[in-house]
Amino acid sequence: MRTVAVVLAGGTGERFGTSVPKQLLPFAGRPLIEHSVAAFDEAPAVDSVLVVMAAGHADLVREALAGGGYRKLAGVIAGGPSRVESTRHRGTRRRGVRRAVP
């Protein structure tokens, strides 16, 4: 059985008060989303990492992660209108996610 870490990064930054999602804001020298992906990329029990981002921002996340050399990054896909719908997104099924555990 494969273990896929699904990073639900669907926020848009609206409540945070920024024009860009907080996942893309710098923290300790790199975008916040990179810290999550890097942690899973280094975790021996994780086989691949899938980032589910808010629609309209997935390309920005792809750009932010492009130069990181993350071996396990399976992709960045646009999520649904809610966290539940993003978790059940058909794109996660195509990438081998059969069951999501919160």
N, C-alpha and C. Protein backbone atom coordinates (compact mmCIF):
# COMPACT_ATOMS: atom_id res chain seq x y z
N MET A 1 0.83 -1.17 0.00
CA MET A 1 0.00 0.00 0.00
C MET A 1 0.89 1.25 0.00
N ARG A 2 0.48 2.23 -0.79
CA ARG A 2 1.21 3.50 -0.86
C ARG A 2 0.59 4.53 0.07
N THR A 3 1.42 5.38 0.63
CA THR A 3 0.95 6.46 1.48
C THR A 3 1.13 7.77 0.74
N VAL A 4 0.01 8.45 0.50
CA VAL A 4 0.03 9.75 -0.18
C VAL A 4 -0.34 10.82 0.83
N ALA A 5 0.54 11.77 1.03
CA ALA A 5 0.24 12.91 1.90
C ALA A 5 -0.48 13.95 1.06
N VAL A 6 -1.70 14.26 1.44
CA VAL A 6 -2.49 15.27 0.73
C VAL A 6 -2.46 16.55 1.56
N VAL A 7 -1.84 17.58 1.00
CA VAL A 7 -1.75 18.87 1.68
C VAL A 7 -2.94 19.71 1.22
N LEU A 8 -3.92 19.89 2.10
CA LEU A 8 -5.09 20.69 1.78
C LEU A 8 -4.77 22.15 2.06
N ALA A 9 -4.38 22.84 1.01
CA ALA A 9 -3.93 24.23 1.12
C ALA A 9 -4.89 25.14 0.36
N GLY A 10 -6.17 25.00 0.64
CA GLY A 10 -7.20 25.66 -0.15
C GLY A 10 -7.54 27.08 0.21
N GLY A 11 -6.96 27.64 1.25
CA GLY A 11 -7.31 29.00 1.63
C GLY A 11 -6.87 30.02 0.60
N THR A 12 -7.57 31.15 0.58
CA THR A 12 -7.26 32.20 -0.39
C THR A 12 -6.61 33.42 0.24
N GLY A 13 -6.54 33.47 1.56
CA GLY A 13 -5.93 34.60 2.25
C GLY A 13 -6.91 35.68 2.63
N GLU A 14 -8.17 35.49 2.31
CA GLU A 14 -9.19 36.51 2.57
C GLU A 14 -9.29 36.85 4.06
N ARG A 15 -9.45 35.84 4.91
CA ARG A 15 -9.54 36.09 6.36
C ARG A 15 -8.21 36.56 6.93
N PHE A 16 -7.13 36.17 6.29
CA PHE A 16 -5.79 36.57 6.74
C PHE A 16 -5.51 38.03 6.39
N GLY A 17 -6.30 38.56 5.45
CA GLY A 17 -6.18 39.96 5.08
C GLY A 17 -5.10 40.27 4.07
N THR A 18 -4.77 39.30 3.21
CA THR A 18 -3.75 39.53 2.19
C THR A 18 -4.35 39.28 0.80
N SER A 19 -3.69 39.82 -0.21
CA SER A 19 -4.17 39.63 -1.58
C SER A 19 -3.70 38.31 -2.16
N VAL A 20 -2.79 37.66 -1.47
CA VAL A 20 -2.25 36.38 -1.91
C VAL A 20 -2.50 35.35 -0.79
N PRO A 21 -2.75 34.11 -1.14
CA PRO A 21 -2.96 33.10 -0.09
C PRO A 21 -1.78 33.03 0.87
N LYS A 22 -2.09 32.84 2.15
CA LYS A 22 -1.02 32.82 3.16
C LYS A 22 -0.01 31.70 2.92
N GLN A 23 -0.42 30.64 2.23
CA GLN A 23 0.49 29.54 1.94
C GLN A 23 1.67 30.01 1.08
N LEU A 24 1.49 31.12 0.37
CA LEU A 24 2.54 31.63 -0.51
C LEU A 24 3.37 32.73 0.13
N LEU A 25 2.98 33.15 1.32
CA LEU A 25 3.74 34.19 2.01
C LEU A 25 5.03 33.60 2.58
N PRO A 26 6.09 34.41 2.61
CA PRO A 26 7.37 33.89 3.11
C PRO A 26 7.34 33.64 4.62
N PHE A 27 7.98 32.55 5.00
CA PHE A 27 8.17 32.19 6.40
C PHE A 27 9.52 31.52 6.49
N ALA A 28 10.41 32.07 7.27
CA ALA A 28 11.77 31.53 7.43
C ALA A 28 12.46 31.33 6.08
N GLY A 29 12.29 32.33 5.21
CA GLY A 29 13.04 32.33 3.96
C GLY A 29 12.41 31.64 2.75
N ARG A 30 11.25 31.04 2.91
CA ARG A 30 10.59 30.40 1.77
C ARG A 30 9.08 30.40 1.98
N PRO A 31 8.31 30.22 0.91
CA PRO A 31 6.85 30.21 1.07
C PRO A 31 6.40 29.14 2.07
N LEU A 32 5.40 29.46 2.84
CA LEU A 32 4.89 28.56 3.87
C LEU A 32 4.58 27.16 3.33
N ILE A 33 4.00 27.08 2.14
CA ILE A 33 3.64 25.78 1.55
C ILE A 33 4.86 24.88 1.38
N GLU A 34 6.01 25.47 1.13
CA GLU A 34 7.23 24.68 0.96
C GLU A 34 7.61 23.94 2.23
N HIS A 35 7.34 24.52 3.37
CA HIS A 35 7.67 23.85 4.64
C HIS A 35 6.87 22.56 4.78
N SER A 36 5.59 22.59 4.41
CA SER A 36 4.75 21.39 4.49
C SER A 36 5.22 20.33 3.51
N VAL A 37 5.44 20.74 2.27
CA VAL A 37 5.86 19.79 1.24
C VAL A 37 7.22 19.20 1.58
N ALA A 38 8.13 20.03 2.06
CA ALA A 38 9.48 19.54 2.42
C ALA A 38 9.41 18.51 3.55
N ALA A 39 8.55 18.76 4.54
CA ALA A 39 8.44 17.82 5.66
C ALA A 39 7.96 16.45 5.16
N PHE A 40 6.96 16.44 4.30
CA PHE A 40 6.47 15.16 3.77
C PHE A 40 7.47 14.53 2.81
N ASP A 41 8.19 15.35 2.07
CA ASP A 41 9.18 14.84 1.13
C ASP A 41 10.29 14.09 1.87
N GLU A 42 10.57 14.51 3.09
CA GLU A 42 11.62 13.88 3.89
C GLU A 42 11.11 12.74 4.77
N ALA A 43 9.80 12.58 4.87
CA ALA A 43 9.23 11.56 5.75
C ALA A 43 9.33 10.18 5.10
N PRO A 44 10.01 9.24 5.73
CA PRO A 44 10.19 7.90 5.16
C PRO A 44 8.88 7.16 4.92
N ALA A 45 7.86 7.42 5.71
CA ALA A 45 6.59 6.69 5.58
C ALA A 45 5.70 7.22 4.46
N VAL A 46 6.08 8.35 3.86
CA VAL A 46 5.28 8.96 2.79
C VAL A 46 5.89 8.62 1.44
N ASP A 47 5.04 8.11 0.54
CA ASP A 47 5.50 7.76 -0.81
C ASP A 47 5.37 8.90 -1.80
N SER A 48 4.32 9.70 -1.66
CA SER A 48 4.16 10.85 -2.55
C SER A 48 3.35 11.93 -1.87
N VAL A 49 3.44 13.14 -2.43
CA VAL A 49 2.78 14.31 -1.86
C VAL A 49 1.92 14.95 -2.95
N LEU A 50 0.68 15.23 -2.60
CA LEU A 50 -0.24 15.91 -3.51
C LEU A 50 -0.74 17.16 -2.80
N VAL A 51 -0.60 18.31 -3.46
CA VAL A 51 -1.08 19.58 -2.90
C VAL A 51 -2.40 19.91 -3.57
N VAL A 52 -3.42 20.19 -2.76
CA VAL A 52 -4.72 20.62 -3.26
C VAL A 52 -4.86 22.08 -2.87
N MET A 53 -4.88 22.95 -3.88
CA MET A 53 -4.87 24.39 -3.67
C MET A 53 -6.17 25.01 -4.16
N ALA A 54 -6.50 26.16 -3.64
CA ALA A 54 -7.70 26.87 -4.07
C ALA A 54 -7.65 27.13 -5.57
N ALA A 55 -8.79 26.96 -6.21
CA ALA A 55 -8.89 27.23 -7.65
C ALA A 55 -8.39 28.65 -7.94
N GLY A 56 -7.65 28.79 -8.98
CA GLY A 56 -7.11 30.09 -9.35
C GLY A 56 -5.73 30.37 -8.78
N HIS A 57 -5.26 29.53 -7.86
CA HIS A 57 -3.96 29.75 -7.24
C HIS A 57 -3.01 28.57 -7.42
N ALA A 58 -3.48 27.50 -8.03
CA ALA A 58 -2.65 26.31 -8.19
C ALA A 58 -1.37 26.60 -8.99
N ASP A 59 -1.49 27.43 -10.02
CA ASP A 59 -0.30 27.75 -10.81
C ASP A 59 0.77 28.47 -9.98
N LEU A 60 0.33 29.35 -9.08
CA LEU A 60 1.28 30.05 -8.22
C LEU A 60 2.02 29.08 -7.31
N VAL A 61 1.31 28.07 -6.82
CA VAL A 61 1.94 27.07 -5.95
C VAL A 61 2.91 26.22 -6.76
N ARG A 62 2.51 25.84 -7.97
CA ARG A 62 3.43 25.08 -8.84
C ARG A 62 4.73 25.85 -9.04
N GLU A 63 4.61 27.15 -9.31
CA GLU A 63 5.80 28.00 -9.51
C GLU A 63 6.64 28.05 -8.24
N ALA A 64 5.99 28.19 -7.09
CA ALA A 64 6.71 28.29 -5.82
C ALA A 64 7.47 27.01 -5.50
N LEU A 65 6.93 25.87 -5.91
CA LEU A 65 7.54 24.57 -5.60
C LEU A 65 8.48 24.06 -6.68
N ALA A 66 8.46 24.68 -7.84
CA ALA A 66 9.19 24.18 -9.01
C ALA A 66 10.69 24.00 -8.76
N GLY A 67 11.31 24.90 -8.08
CA GLY A 67 12.76 24.83 -7.90
C GLY A 67 13.20 24.08 -6.65
N GLY A 68 12.26 23.48 -5.93
CA GLY A 68 12.59 22.85 -4.65
C GLY A 68 13.17 21.46 -4.74
N GLY A 69 13.08 20.83 -5.90
CA GLY A 69 13.63 19.48 -6.05
C GLY A 69 12.91 18.43 -5.22
N TYR A 70 11.62 18.59 -5.04
CA TYR A 70 10.86 17.65 -4.21
C TYR A 70 10.60 16.37 -5.00
N ARG A 71 11.25 15.30 -4.58
CA ARG A 71 11.18 14.01 -5.28
C ARG A 71 9.80 13.38 -5.22
N LYS A 72 9.09 13.60 -4.13
CA LYS A 72 7.81 12.93 -3.92
C LYS A 72 6.60 13.74 -4.36
N LEU A 73 6.81 14.96 -4.84
CA LEU A 73 5.69 15.81 -5.23
C LEU A 73 5.02 15.23 -6.47
N ALA A 74 3.79 14.74 -6.28
CA ALA A 74 3.04 14.13 -7.39
C ALA A 74 2.29 15.16 -8.20
N GLY A 75 2.00 16.30 -7.61
CA GLY A 75 1.30 17.34 -8.34
C GLY A 75 0.64 18.36 -7.44
N VAL A 76 0.15 19.41 -8.10
CA VAL A 76 -0.62 20.46 -7.45
C VAL A 76 -1.91 20.57 -8.25
N ILE A 77 -3.04 20.38 -7.59
CA ILE A 77 -4.32 20.44 -8.29
C ILE A 77 -5.22 21.47 -7.62
N ALA A 78 -6.17 21.97 -8.39
CA ALA A 78 -7.16 22.91 -7.86
C ALA A 78 -8.21 22.13 -7.09
N GLY A 79 -8.55 22.61 -5.92
CA GLY A 79 -9.54 21.95 -5.09
C GLY A 79 -10.95 22.41 -5.37
N GLY A 80 -11.85 21.95 -4.53
CA GLY A 80 -13.25 22.31 -4.65
C GLY A 80 -13.58 23.54 -3.82
N PRO A 81 -14.86 23.90 -3.79
CA PRO A 81 -15.27 25.09 -3.05
C PRO A 81 -15.22 24.95 -1.53
N SER A 82 -15.05 23.74 -1.01
CA SER A 82 -14.93 23.54 0.43
C SER A 82 -13.85 22.51 0.71
N ARG A 83 -13.42 22.42 1.97
CA ARG A 83 -12.39 21.45 2.35
C ARG A 83 -12.86 20.02 2.08
N VAL A 84 -14.12 19.75 2.40
CA VAL A 84 -14.66 18.40 2.17
C VAL A 84 -14.63 18.06 0.69
N GLU A 85 -15.06 18.98 -0.14
CA GLU A 85 -15.06 18.73 -1.59
C GLU A 85 -13.64 18.62 -2.13
N SER A 86 -12.71 19.38 -1.59
CA SER A 86 -11.31 19.27 -2.01
C SER A 86 -10.75 17.90 -1.65
N THR A 87 -11.12 17.40 -0.47
CA THR A 87 -10.65 16.09 -0.04
C THR A 87 -11.17 14.99 -0.96
N ARG A 88 -12.39 15.15 -1.42
CA ARG A 88 -13.01 14.15 -2.29
C ARG A 88 -12.79 14.41 -3.77
N HIS A 89 -12.00 15.39 -4.10
CA HIS A 89 -11.79 15.82 -5.48
C HIS A 89 -11.37 14.64 -6.36
N ARG A 90 -11.92 14.60 -7.55
CA ARG A 90 -11.60 13.50 -8.47
C ARG A 90 -10.12 13.44 -8.83
N GLY A 91 -9.42 14.58 -8.77
CA GLY A 91 -7.99 14.59 -9.05
C GLY A 91 -7.19 13.80 -8.04
N THR A 92 -7.67 13.74 -6.80
CA THR A 92 -6.97 12.94 -5.81
C THR A 92 -7.13 11.46 -6.13
N ARG A 93 -8.26 11.07 -6.65
CA ARG A 93 -8.50 9.66 -7.01
C ARG A 93 -7.56 9.23 -8.14
N ARG A 94 -7.38 10.11 -9.12
CA ARG A 94 -6.49 9.78 -10.24
C ARG A 94 -5.05 9.62 -9.80
N ARG A 95 -4.70 10.21 -8.67
CA ARG A 95 -3.32 10.15 -8.20
C ARG A 95 -3.14 9.11 -7.10
N GLY A 96 -4.09 8.21 -6.98
CA GLY A 96 -3.91 7.08 -6.08
C GLY A 96 -4.46 7.24 -4.68
N VAL A 97 -5.14 8.34 -4.39
CA VAL A 97 -5.70 8.52 -3.05
C VAL A 97 -7.05 7.83 -3.00
N ARG A 98 -7.15 6.81 -2.21
CA ARG A 98 -8.39 6.05 -2.10
C ARG A 98 -9.18 6.45 -0.86
N ARG A 99 -8.48 6.84 0.17
CA ARG A 99 -9.13 7.19 1.44
C ARG A 99 -8.35 8.33 2.08
N ALA A 100 -9.06 9.37 2.44
CA ALA A 100 -8.41 10.50 3.09
C ALA A 100 -8.68 10.43 4.58
N VAL A 101 -7.62 10.59 5.35
CA VAL A 101 -7.74 10.58 6.81
C VAL A 101 -7.36 11.98 7.30
N PRO A 102 -8.30 12.68 7.93
CA PRO A 102 -8.01 14.05 8.38
C PRO A 102 -6.99 14.08 9.50
